[in-house]
Amino acid sequence: MLENIIAKIKNKIVIIKNPDGSQGTGIVLDSNGIIVTNSHVVAQNRIVKVETNEKKSYIGKVIGSNKQIDFAFILCDRLKLEDFPVLSKRENLLEGEDVVAIGHPHGYDFTVTQGIISTAKREIKGVHYIQTDVPINPGNSGGPLLDRNGEILGINTWIVMNAQNLSFAVPSDYLQTAYSSLLPYDKLVTGYYCPACGNLDEEKRKYCRKCGDDLQEDIIPPGFYENTGYCPSCRTQNEPANAYCRNCGVQLLSRKEDADSESRKLEEFKDKVIKCPGCGRENKGVKYCENCGATLIT
């Protein structure tokens, strides 16, 4: 029954949050923490926040995307789950068969909507989409479209505005081909993503080897890493509940008195320019370097 399928898959559906505050949906595919979502959900970001149904937050890194078809993969290697959904290999999708979408429309977390397949293969600008009448809203993007067996038929990607339930999903065959072509896990961990073309290089470079774009350092706003277990000092992903970084010992969670003290320090340094001892960038009024994440105010 659909309710049993939804209950089983629900904890694999995650919220994808960007540094600018925008968000979408993703679904975890395997035990390495690889997540599929839309390319337009991750936008130009290399780093995103991944929030689970249990309200735990992790930092994920984008490891590849296809902007034309509109899908992307994220690696969140500290997210350890079991019993993963299947990317469907069905070729006989039927108009009129029941489908379910799960996502986070307008910030309403983990919302289920139901409908039917309107057209099994709708070609638009050279891409074949699954057209449905499932109600889809902003925030649903990147969430799974499931059949009655709980298999992923595709990921919801866009709608026709000012129309009645004209929704489209990227079919799973596109996703399966790209997923099977990902670099080995150890290279995904160290690889460097190009937001311009969606390519993942095996090592960090100044310019993208595929498109030549300037691979500038990420600028992450203060507070983005809070409650994720991610250490901005040494860039180690810890469990969200860890009070201290397991690698370098930096304090990750603060007591109330520590937070009050930190607020006073930030107020004291709000107009002071501090040169980062790590990368040399000049920062103003922030605790961590906006370029490399090193601690500036202790």
C-alpha atoms as a PDB file:
ATOM      1  CA  MET A   1       0.000   0.000   0.000  1.00  0.00           C
ATOM      2  CA  LEU A   2       1.135   3.530  -0.727  1.00  0.00           C
ATOM      3  CA  GLU A   3       1.169   4.570   2.926  1.00  0.00           C
ATOM      4  CA  ASN A   4       3.608   1.749   3.743  1.00  0.00           C
ATOM      5  CA  ILE A   5       5.858   2.726   0.850  1.00  0.00           C
ATOM      6  CA  ILE A   6       5.844   6.367   1.914  1.00  0.00           C
ATOM      7  CA  ALA A   7       6.637   5.475   5.525  1.00  0.00           C
ATOM      8  CA  LYS A   8       9.601   3.382   4.369  1.00  0.00           C
ATOM      9  CA  ILE A   9      11.052   5.972   2.018  1.00  0.00           C
ATOM     10  CA  LYS A  10      10.335   9.123   4.001  1.00  0.00           C
ATOM     11  CA  ASN A  11      13.652   9.265   5.864  1.00  0.00           C
ATOM     12  CA  LYS A  12      15.522   9.110   2.537  1.00  0.00           C
ATOM     13  CA  ILE A  13      13.913  12.384   1.399  1.00  0.00           C
ATOM     14  CA  VAL A  14      16.000  15.391   2.445  1.00  0.00           C
ATOM     15  CA  ILE A  15      15.799  19.163   2.268  1.00  0.00           C
ATOM     16  CA  ILE A  16      18.539  20.886   0.268  1.00  0.00           C
ATOM     17  CA  LYS A  17      19.346  24.365   1.617  1.00  0.00           C
ATOM     18  CA  ASN A  18      21.632  26.860  -0.120  1.00  0.00           C
ATOM     19  CA  PRO A  19      23.736  29.629   1.456  1.00  0.00           C
ATOM     20  CA  ASP A  20      21.369  32.247  -0.037  1.00  0.00           C
ATOM     21  CA  GLY A  21      18.365  30.738   1.778  1.00  0.00           C
ATOM     22  CA  SER A  22      16.740  29.013  -1.209  1.00  0.00           C
ATOM     23  CA  GLN A  23      15.862  25.349  -0.885  1.00  0.00           C
ATOM     24  CA  GLY A  24      14.553  22.260  -2.656  1.00  0.00           C
ATOM     25  CA  THR A  25      14.284  18.510  -2.228  1.00  0.00           C
ATOM     26  CA  GLY A  26      16.625  15.559  -2.730  1.00  0.00           C
ATOM     27  CA  ILE A  27      16.608  11.797  -2.247  1.00  0.00           C
ATOM     28  CA  VAL A  28      19.443   9.638  -0.900  1.00  0.00           C
ATOM     29  CA  LEU A  29      20.424   6.850  -3.301  1.00  0.00           C
ATOM     30  CA  ASP A  30      23.096   4.828  -1.490  1.00  0.00           C
ATOM     31  CA  SER A  31      25.176   4.195   1.633  1.00  0.00           C
ATOM     32  CA  ASN A  32      27.894   6.619   0.459  1.00  0.00           C
ATOM     33  CA  GLY A  33      25.417   9.475   0.940  1.00  0.00           C
ATOM     34  CA  ILE A  34      24.936  10.294  -2.754  1.00  0.00           C
ATOM     35  CA  ILE A  35      21.809  12.399  -3.245  1.00  0.00           C
ATOM     36  CA  VAL A  36      20.028  13.281  -6.473  1.00  0.00           C
ATOM     37  CA  THR A  37      18.197  16.584  -6.929  1.00  0.00           C
ATOM     38  CA  ASN A  38      17.702  19.219  -9.646  1.00  0.00           C
ATOM     39  CA  SER A  39      20.527  21.259 -11.098  1.00  0.00           C
ATOM     40  CA  HIS A  40      18.477  24.404 -10.556  1.00  0.00           C
ATOM     41  CA  VAL A  41      18.116  23.532  -6.853  1.00  0.00           C
ATOM     42  CA  VAL A  42      21.877  23.646  -6.195  1.00  0.00           C
ATOM     43  CA  ALA A  43      22.206  26.607  -8.617  1.00  0.00           C
ATOM     44  CA  GLN A  44      25.816  27.918  -8.618  1.00  0.00           C
ATOM     45  CA  ASN A  45      26.741  26.419  -5.243  1.00  0.00           C
ATOM     46  CA  ARG A  46      29.414  23.851  -4.483  1.00  0.00           C
ATOM     47  CA  ILE A  47      28.386  23.538  -0.829  1.00  0.00           C
ATOM     48  CA  VAL A  48      24.812  22.962   0.406  1.00  0.00           C
ATOM     49  CA  LYS A  49      23.136  22.020   3.679  1.00  0.00           C
ATOM     50  CA  VAL A  50      21.301  18.700   3.843  1.00  0.00           C
ATOM     51  CA  GLU A  51      18.517  18.395   6.450  1.00  0.00           C
ATOM     52  CA  THR A  52      16.921  15.046   7.263  1.00  0.00           C
ATOM     53  CA  ASN A  53      13.446  14.114   8.439  1.00  0.00           C
ATOM     54  CA  GLU A  54      14.927  13.834  11.971  1.00  0.00           C
ATOM     55  CA  LYS A  55      15.973  17.516  11.717  1.00  0.00           C
ATOM     56  CA  LYS A  56      19.684  16.673  11.611  1.00  0.00           C
ATOM     57  CA  SER A  57      21.755  18.902   9.337  1.00  0.00           C
ATOM     58  CA  TYR A  58      24.892  18.001   7.398  1.00  0.00           C
ATOM     59  CA  ILE A  59      27.067  19.727   4.822  1.00  0.00           C
ATOM     60  CA  GLY A  60      27.013  18.228   1.338  1.00  0.00           C
ATOM     61  CA  LYS A  61      29.221  18.946  -1.670  1.00  0.00           C
ATOM     62  CA  VAL A  62      27.900  19.070  -5.223  1.00  0.00           C
ATOM     63  CA  ILE A  63      29.688  16.445  -7.338  1.00  0.00           C
ATOM     64  CA  GLY A  64      28.154  16.927 -10.753  1.00  0.00           C
ATOM     65  CA  SER A  65      25.163  18.255 -12.669  1.00  0.00           C
ATOM     66  CA  ASN A  66      23.473  18.308 -16.040  1.00  0.00           C
ATOM     67  CA  LYS A  67      21.977  21.740 -16.576  1.00  0.00           C
ATOM     68  CA  GLN A  68      20.155  20.891 -19.818  1.00  0.00           C
ATOM     69  CA  ILE A  69      18.201  17.952 -18.392  1.00  0.00           C
ATOM     70  CA  ASP A  70      18.179  19.524 -14.896  1.00  0.00           C
ATOM     71  CA  PHE A  71      19.593  17.063 -12.391  1.00  0.00           C
ATOM     72  CA  ALA A  72      22.530  17.129  -9.996  1.00  0.00           C
ATOM     73  CA  PHE A  73      24.277  14.849  -7.510  1.00  0.00           C
ATOM     74  CA  ILE A  74      25.418  15.750  -3.995  1.00  0.00           C
ATOM     75  CA  LEU A  75      27.798  13.827  -1.743  1.00  0.00           C
ATOM     76  CA  CYS A  76      26.926  13.818   1.971  1.00  0.00           C
ATOM     77  CA  ASP A  77      29.249  11.073   3.191  1.00  0.00           C
ATOM     78  CA  ARG A  78      28.383  11.324   6.913  1.00  0.00           C
ATOM     79  CA  LEU A  79      24.727  10.574   6.196  1.00  0.00           C
ATOM     80  CA  LYS A  80      24.496   6.856   6.997  1.00  0.00           C
ATOM     81  CA  LEU A  81      21.197   5.214   6.032  1.00  0.00           C
ATOM     82  CA  GLU A  82      19.974   1.770   4.918  1.00  0.00           C
ATOM     83  CA  ASP A  83      17.384   0.265   2.529  1.00  0.00           C
ATOM     84  CA  PHE A  84      17.510   2.673  -0.377  1.00  0.00           C
ATOM     85  CA  PRO A  85      14.895   3.331  -3.062  1.00  0.00           C
ATOM     86  CA  VAL A  86      15.394   1.963  -6.553  1.00  0.00           C
ATOM     87  CA  LEU A  87      15.823   4.015  -9.699  1.00  0.00           C
ATOM     88  CA  SER A  88      13.209   2.376 -11.898  1.00  0.00           C
ATOM     89  CA  LYS A  89      14.258   0.718 -15.168  1.00  0.00           C
ATOM     90  CA  ARG A  90      10.685   0.404 -16.398  1.00  0.00           C
ATOM     91  CA  GLU A  91      10.104   1.262 -20.039  1.00  0.00           C
ATOM     92  CA  ASN A  92       6.349   0.637 -20.048  1.00  0.00           C
ATOM     93  CA  LEU A  93       5.030   3.632 -18.129  1.00  0.00           C
ATOM     94  CA  LEU A  94       1.296   3.892 -18.680  1.00  0.00           C
ATOM     95  CA  GLU A  95      -0.812   6.998 -19.085  1.00  0.00           C
ATOM     96  CA  GLY A  96      -3.293   7.041 -16.202  1.00  0.00           C
ATOM     97  CA  GLU A  97      -1.238   5.042 -13.687  1.00  0.00           C
ATOM     98  CA  ASP A  98      -0.987   6.348 -10.140  1.00  0.00           C
ATOM     99  CA  VAL A  99       2.120   8.258  -9.038  1.00  0.00           C
ATOM    100  CA  VAL A 100       3.166  10.013  -5.841  1.00  0.00           C
ATOM    101  CA  ALA A 101       5.474  12.988  -5.257  1.00  0.00           C
ATOM    102  CA  ILE A 102       7.223  13.830  -1.989  1.00  0.00           C
ATOM    103  CA  GLY A 103       8.843  17.192  -1.341  1.00  0.00           C
ATOM    104  CA  HIS A 104       8.876  20.387   0.671  1.00  0.00           C
ATOM    105  CA  PRO A 105       6.532  22.860  -1.104  1.00  0.00           C
ATOM    106  CA  HIS A 106       6.762  26.435   0.155  1.00  0.00           C
ATOM    107  CA  GLY A 107       8.696  25.241   3.206  1.00  0.00           C
ATOM    108  CA  TYR A 108       6.064  22.712   4.357  1.00  0.00           C
ATOM    109  CA  ASP A 109       8.408  19.808   5.068  1.00  0.00           C
ATOM    110  CA  PHE A 110       7.810  16.271   3.800  1.00  0.00           C
ATOM    111  CA  THR A 111       4.544  16.776   1.944  1.00  0.00           C
ATOM    112  CA  VAL A 112       2.966  13.995  -0.150  1.00  0.00           C
ATOM    113  CA  THR A 113       0.852  14.658  -3.252  1.00  0.00           C
ATOM    114  CA  GLN A 114      -0.754  12.154  -5.615  1.00  0.00           C
ATOM    115  CA  GLY A 115      -1.819  12.095  -9.246  1.00  0.00           C
ATOM    116  CA  ILE A 116      -1.516  10.174 -12.493  1.00  0.00           C
ATOM    117  CA  ILE A 117       0.856  10.060 -15.454  1.00  0.00           C
ATOM    118  CA  SER A 118      -0.636  12.324 -18.111  1.00  0.00           C
ATOM    119  CA  THR A 119       1.933  11.549 -20.812  1.00  0.00           C
ATOM    120  CA  ALA A 120       4.655   8.943 -20.362  1.00  0.00           C
ATOM    121  CA  LYS A 121       7.179  10.617 -22.679  1.00  0.00           C
ATOM    122  CA  ARG A 122       6.821  14.313 -23.470  1.00  0.00           C
ATOM    123  CA  GLU A 123       9.678  15.684 -25.594  1.00  0.00           C
ATOM    124  CA  ILE A 124      10.573  19.313 -24.892  1.00  0.00           C
ATOM    125  CA  LYS A 125      13.724  20.866 -26.346  1.00  0.00           C
ATOM    126  CA  GLY A 126      15.224  17.444 -26.985  1.00  0.00           C
ATOM    127  CA  VAL A 127      14.586  16.112 -23.471  1.00  0.00           C
ATOM    128  CA  HIS A 128      11.966  13.456 -22.689  1.00  0.00           C
ATOM    129  CA  TYR A 129       9.999  14.233 -19.513  1.00  0.00           C
ATOM    130  CA  ILE A 130       7.249  12.403 -17.654  1.00  0.00           C
ATOM    131  CA  GLN A 131       4.184  14.658 -17.645  1.00  0.00           C
ATOM    132  CA  THR A 132       1.841  14.288 -14.649  1.00  0.00           C
ATOM    133  CA  ASP A 133      -1.062  16.068 -12.992  1.00  0.00           C
ATOM    134  CA  VAL A 134       0.577  15.837  -9.535  1.00  0.00           C
ATOM    135  CA  PRO A 135       0.358  19.178  -7.676  1.00  0.00           C
ATOM    136  CA  ILE A 136       3.917  20.551  -7.616  1.00  0.00           C
ATOM    137  CA  ASN A 137       5.019  23.818  -5.991  1.00  0.00           C
ATOM    138  CA  PRO A 138       8.292  25.653  -5.308  1.00  0.00           C
ATOM    139  CA  GLY A 139      10.277  23.474  -2.902  1.00  0.00           C
ATOM    140  CA  ASN A 140       9.146  20.203  -4.545  1.00  0.00           C
ATOM    141  CA  SER A 141      11.936  20.467  -7.106  1.00  0.00           C
ATOM    142  CA  GLY A 142      14.351  17.542  -6.905  1.00  0.00           C
ATOM    143  CA  GLY A 143      11.918  15.312  -5.000  1.00  0.00           C
ATOM    144  CA  PRO A 144      11.051  11.827  -6.250  1.00  0.00           C
ATOM    145  CA  LEU A 145       8.149  10.773  -8.437  1.00  0.00           C
ATOM    146  CA  LEU A 146       7.244   7.253  -7.241  1.00  0.00           C
ATOM    147  CA  ASP A 147       5.145   4.447  -8.680  1.00  0.00           C
ATOM    148  CA  ARG A 148       2.905   2.183  -6.615  1.00  0.00           C
ATOM    149  CA  ASN A 149       5.896  -0.104  -5.874  1.00  0.00           C
ATOM    150  CA  GLY A 150       7.933   2.736  -4.403  1.00  0.00           C
ATOM    151  CA  GLU A 151      10.421   2.831  -7.279  1.00  0.00           C
ATOM    152  CA  ILE A 152      11.718   6.214  -8.448  1.00  0.00           C
ATOM    153  CA  LEU A 153      10.291   6.956 -11.885  1.00  0.00           C
ATOM    154  CA  GLY A 154      12.009  10.354 -11.939  1.00  0.00           C
ATOM    155  CA  ILE A 155      12.539  13.601 -10.055  1.00  0.00           C
ATOM    156  CA  ASN A 156      10.097  16.489 -10.250  1.00  0.00           C
ATOM    157  CA  THR A 157      11.621  19.486 -11.944  1.00  0.00           C
ATOM    158  CA  TRP A 158       9.211  22.091 -13.354  1.00  0.00           C
ATOM    159  CA  ILE A 159       5.604  23.090 -13.971  1.00  0.00           C
ATOM    160  CA  VAL A 160       3.701  25.220 -16.461  1.00  0.00           C
ATOM    161  CA  MET A 161       2.822  28.416 -14.623  1.00  0.00           C
ATOM    162  CA  ASN A 162      -0.814  29.572 -14.537  1.00  0.00           C
ATOM    163  CA  ALA A 163      -1.989  26.110 -15.650  1.00  0.00           C
ATOM    164  CA  GLN A 164      -3.868  23.356 -13.845  1.00  0.00           C
ATOM    165  CA  ASN A 165      -1.396  20.697 -12.689  1.00  0.00           C
ATOM    166  CA  LEU A 166       0.910  20.492 -15.689  1.00  0.00           C
ATOM    167  CA  SER A 167       3.980  19.004 -13.969  1.00  0.00           C
ATOM    168  CA  PHE A 168       7.125  17.423 -15.398  1.00  0.00           C
ATOM    169  CA  ALA A 169       9.728  15.022 -14.034  1.00  0.00           C
ATOM    170  CA  VAL A 170      13.190  14.003 -15.271  1.00  0.00           C
ATOM    171  CA  PRO A 171      12.891  10.250 -16.060  1.00  0.00           C
ATOM    172  CA  SER A 172      14.999   7.792 -14.068  1.00  0.00           C
ATOM    173  CA  ASP A 173      16.868   6.488 -17.130  1.00  0.00           C
ATOM    174  CA  TYR A 174      18.725   9.816 -17.405  1.00  0.00           C
ATOM    175  CA  LEU A 175      19.549   9.625 -13.699  1.00  0.00           C
ATOM    176  CA  GLN A 176      20.644   5.976 -13.815  1.00  0.00           C
ATOM    177  CA  THR A 177      23.052   6.603 -16.710  1.00  0.00           C
ATOM    178  CA  ALA A 178      24.675   9.566 -14.941  1.00  0.00           C
ATOM    179  CA  TYR A 179      24.720   7.841 -11.545  1.00  0.00           C
ATOM    180  CA  SER A 180      26.496   4.815 -13.043  1.00  0.00           C
ATOM    181  CA  SER A 181      29.087   7.135 -14.595  1.00  0.00           C
ATOM    182  CA  LEU A 182      30.117   8.930 -11.389  1.00  0.00           C
ATOM    183  CA  LEU A 183      33.770   8.850 -10.369  1.00  0.00           C
ATOM    184  CA  PRO A 184      34.866   6.299  -7.720  1.00  0.00           C
ATOM    185  CA  TYR A 185      33.963   7.306  -4.173  1.00  0.00           C
ATOM    186  CA  ASP A 186      37.487   8.349  -3.106  1.00  0.00           C
ATOM    187  CA  LYS A 187      37.692  10.732  -6.064  1.00  0.00           C
ATOM    188  CA  LEU A 188      34.246  12.144  -5.331  1.00  0.00           C
ATOM    189  CA  VAL A 189      35.475  13.053  -1.835  1.00  0.00           C
ATOM    190  CA  THR A 190      38.488  14.987  -3.123  1.00  0.00           C
ATOM    191  CA  GLY A 191      37.081  16.182  -6.452  1.00  0.00           C
ATOM    192  CA  TYR A 192      36.299  19.832  -7.252  1.00  0.00           C
ATOM    193  CA  TYR A 193      33.029  20.841  -8.891  1.00  0.00           C
ATOM    194  CA  CYS A 194      32.614  23.519 -11.572  1.00  0.00           C
ATOM    195  CA  PRO A 195      29.257  25.346 -11.174  1.00  0.00           C
ATOM    196  CA  ALA A 196      29.540  26.761 -14.693  1.00  0.00           C
ATOM    197  CA  CYS A 197      29.490  23.487 -16.647  1.00  0.00           C
ATOM    198  CA  GLY A 198      28.636  20.897 -13.963  1.00  0.00           C
ATOM    199  CA  ASN A 199      31.867  18.928 -14.328  1.00  0.00           C
ATOM    200  CA  LEU A 200      33.721  17.319 -11.400  1.00  0.00           C
ATOM    201  CA  ASP A 201      37.500  17.308 -11.744  1.00  0.00           C
ATOM    202  CA  GLU A 202      39.554  14.740  -9.858  1.00  0.00           C
ATOM    203  CA  GLU A 203      41.600  17.497  -8.252  1.00  0.00           C
ATOM    204  CA  LYS A 204      41.322  21.194  -7.497  1.00  0.00           C
ATOM    205  CA  ARG A 205      42.467  23.528 -10.270  1.00  0.00           C
ATOM    206  CA  LYS A 206      42.439  27.275 -10.813  1.00  0.00           C
ATOM    207  CA  TYR A 207      40.428  26.893 -14.017  1.00  0.00           C
ATOM    208  CA  CYS A 208      37.958  24.197 -15.046  1.00  0.00           C
ATOM    209  CA  ARG A 209      39.626  21.704 -17.360  1.00  0.00           C
ATOM    210  CA  LYS A 210      36.361  21.208 -19.284  1.00  0.00           C
ATOM    211  CA  CYS A 211      35.004  24.753 -19.793  1.00  0.00           C
ATOM    212  CA  GLY A 212      37.870  26.993 -18.619  1.00  0.00           C
ATOM    213  CA  ASP A 213      35.792  28.844 -16.003  1.00  0.00           C
ATOM    214  CA  ASP A 214      37.633  30.456 -13.094  1.00  0.00           C
ATOM    215  CA  LEU A 215      37.154  28.122 -10.093  1.00  0.00           C
ATOM    216  CA  GLN A 216      37.050  30.742  -7.358  1.00  0.00           C
ATOM    217  CA  GLU A 217      36.867  29.872  -3.667  1.00  0.00           C
ATOM    218  CA  ASP A 218      33.400  29.560  -2.143  1.00  0.00           C
ATOM    219  CA  ILE A 219      32.145  32.441  -0.023  1.00  0.00           C
ATOM    220  CA  ILE A 220      29.974  30.955   2.721  1.00  0.00           C
ATOM    221  CA  PRO A 221      27.964  33.339   4.939  1.00  0.00           C
ATOM    222  CA  PRO A 222      28.603  33.297   8.705  1.00  0.00           C
ATOM    223  CA  GLY A 223      26.349  30.842  10.516  1.00  0.00           C
ATOM    224  CA  PHE A 224      25.771  28.530   7.553  1.00  0.00           C
ATOM    225  CA  TYR A 225      27.727  25.714   9.206  1.00  0.00           C
ATOM    226  CA  GLU A 226      25.969  26.027  12.580  1.00  0.00           C
ATOM    227  CA  ASN A 227      24.416  22.808  13.935  1.00  0.00           C
ATOM    228  CA  THR A 228      25.746  20.736  11.033  1.00  0.00           C
ATOM    229  CA  GLY A 229      28.808  19.273  12.757  1.00  0.00           C
ATOM    230  CA  TYR A 230      30.952  20.729   9.969  1.00  0.00           C
ATOM    231  CA  CYS A 231      34.198  22.285  11.155  1.00  0.00           C
ATOM    232  CA  PRO A 232      34.974  25.536   9.283  1.00  0.00           C
ATOM    233  CA  SER A 233      38.532  25.438  10.596  1.00  0.00           C
ATOM    234  CA  CYS A 234      39.769  22.092   9.199  1.00  0.00           C
ATOM    235  CA  ARG A 235      36.716  21.296   7.018  1.00  0.00           C
ATOM    236  CA  THR A 236      35.940  17.972   8.698  1.00  0.00           C
ATOM    237  CA  GLN A 237      32.339  16.723   8.777  1.00  0.00           C
ATOM    238  CA  ASN A 238      31.423  15.586  12.299  1.00  0.00           C
ATOM    239  CA  GLU A 239      28.120  14.274  13.597  1.00  0.00           C
ATOM    240  CA  PRO A 240      25.695  17.203  14.130  1.00  0.00           C
ATOM    241  CA  ALA A 241      25.602  16.552  17.888  1.00  0.00           C
ATOM    242  CA  ASN A 242      29.408  16.690  18.295  1.00  0.00           C
ATOM    243  CA  ALA A 243      30.478  19.503  20.625  1.00  0.00           C
ATOM    244  CA  TYR A 244      34.070  19.460  19.339  1.00  0.00           C
ATOM    245  CA  CYS A 245      35.670  18.610  16.005  1.00  0.00           C
ATOM    246  CA  ARG A 246      37.000  15.037  16.000  1.00  0.00           C
ATOM    247  CA  ASN A 247      39.937  16.122  13.845  1.00  0.00           C
ATOM    248  CA  CYS A 248      41.215  19.456  15.227  1.00  0.00           C
ATOM    249  CA  GLY A 249      39.264  19.893  18.486  1.00  0.00           C
ATOM    250  CA  VAL A 250      37.580  23.206  17.593  1.00  0.00           C
ATOM    251  CA  GLN A 251      34.378  23.780  19.590  1.00  0.00           C
ATOM    252  CA  LEU A 252      31.305  23.307  17.394  1.00  0.00           C
ATOM    253  CA  LEU A 253      28.413  23.684  19.868  1.00  0.00           C
ATOM    254  CA  SER A 254      28.310  26.540  22.360  1.00  0.00           C
ATOM    255  CA  ARG A 255      26.704  26.801  25.769  1.00  0.00           C
ATOM    256  CA  LYS A 256      24.453  29.837  26.294  1.00  0.00           C
ATOM    257  CA  GLU A 257      27.126  31.724  28.244  1.00  0.00           C
ATOM    258  CA  ASP A 258      29.613  30.958  25.471  1.00  0.00           C
ATOM    259  CA  ALA A 259      27.154  32.263  22.894  1.00  0.00           C
ATOM    260  CA  ASP A 260      26.632  35.466  24.888  1.00  0.00           C
ATOM    261  CA  SER A 261      30.400  35.932  25.160  1.00  0.00           C
ATOM    262  CA  GLU A 262      30.808  35.317  21.442  1.00  0.00           C
ATOM    263  CA  SER A 263      28.122  37.899  20.646  1.00  0.00           C
ATOM    264  CA  ARG A 264      30.011  40.473  22.703  1.00  0.00           C
ATOM    265  CA  LYS A 265      33.243  39.636  20.860  1.00  0.00           C
ATOM    266  CA  LEU A 266      31.579  39.957  17.469  1.00  0.00           C
ATOM    267  CA  GLU A 267      30.133  43.307  18.492  1.00  0.00           C
ATOM    268  CA  GLU A 268      33.602  44.425  19.599  1.00  0.00           C
ATOM    269  CA  PHE A 269      35.164  43.430  16.281  1.00  0.00           C
ATOM    270  CA  LYS A 270      32.267  44.380  13.966  1.00  0.00           C
ATOM    271  CA  ASP A 271      34.108  47.351  12.416  1.00  0.00           C
ATOM    272  CA  LYS A 272      37.599  45.856  12.546  1.00  0.00           C
ATOM    273  CA  VAL A 273      39.284  44.438   9.458  1.00  0.00           C
ATOM    274  CA  ILE A 274      41.067  41.156  10.271  1.00  0.00           C
ATOM    275  CA  LYS A 275      43.554  39.558   7.913  1.00  0.00           C
ATOM    276  CA  CYS A 276      43.182  35.784   7.753  1.00  0.00           C
ATOM    277  CA  PRO A 277      46.390  34.015   8.848  1.00  0.00           C
ATOM    278  CA  GLY A 278      45.537  31.119   6.551  1.00  0.00           C
ATOM    279  CA  CYS A 279      44.785  32.624   3.131  1.00  0.00           C
ATOM    280  CA  GLY A 280      45.493  36.331   3.656  1.00  0.00           C
ATOM    281  CA  ARG A 281      41.960  37.522   2.859  1.00  0.00           C
ATOM    282  CA  GLU A 282      40.794  40.655   4.690  1.00  0.00           C
ATOM    283  CA  ASN A 283      37.502  40.127   6.547  1.00  0.00           C
ATOM    284  CA  LYS A 284      35.351  42.529   8.499  1.00  0.00           C
ATOM    285  CA  GLY A 285      33.220  41.714  11.529  1.00  0.00           C
ATOM    286  CA  VAL A 286      33.063  37.920  11.077  1.00  0.00           C
ATOM    287  CA  LYS A 287      34.293  35.042  13.229  1.00  0.00           C
ATOM    288  CA  TYR A 288      35.421  32.831  10.356  1.00  0.00           C
ATOM    289  CA  CYS A 289      37.260  33.739   7.175  1.00  0.00           C
ATOM    290  CA  GLU A 290      34.740  34.094   4.354  1.00  0.00           C
ATOM    291  CA  ASN A 291      37.265  32.585   1.943  1.00  0.00           C
ATOM    292  CA  CYS A 292      38.848  29.573   3.693  1.00  0.00           C
ATOM    293  CA  GLY A 293      36.827  29.203   6.899  1.00  0.00           C
ATOM    294  CA  ALA A 294      39.730  29.726   9.324  1.00  0.00           C
ATOM    295  CA  THR A 295      38.881  31.081  12.785  1.00  0.00           C
ATOM    296  CA  LEU A 296      39.553  34.835  13.105  1.00  0.00           C
ATOM    297  CA  ILE A 297      37.992  35.683  16.475  1.00  0.00           C
ATOM    298  CA  THR A 298      38.581  33.362  19.447  1.00  0.00           C
END
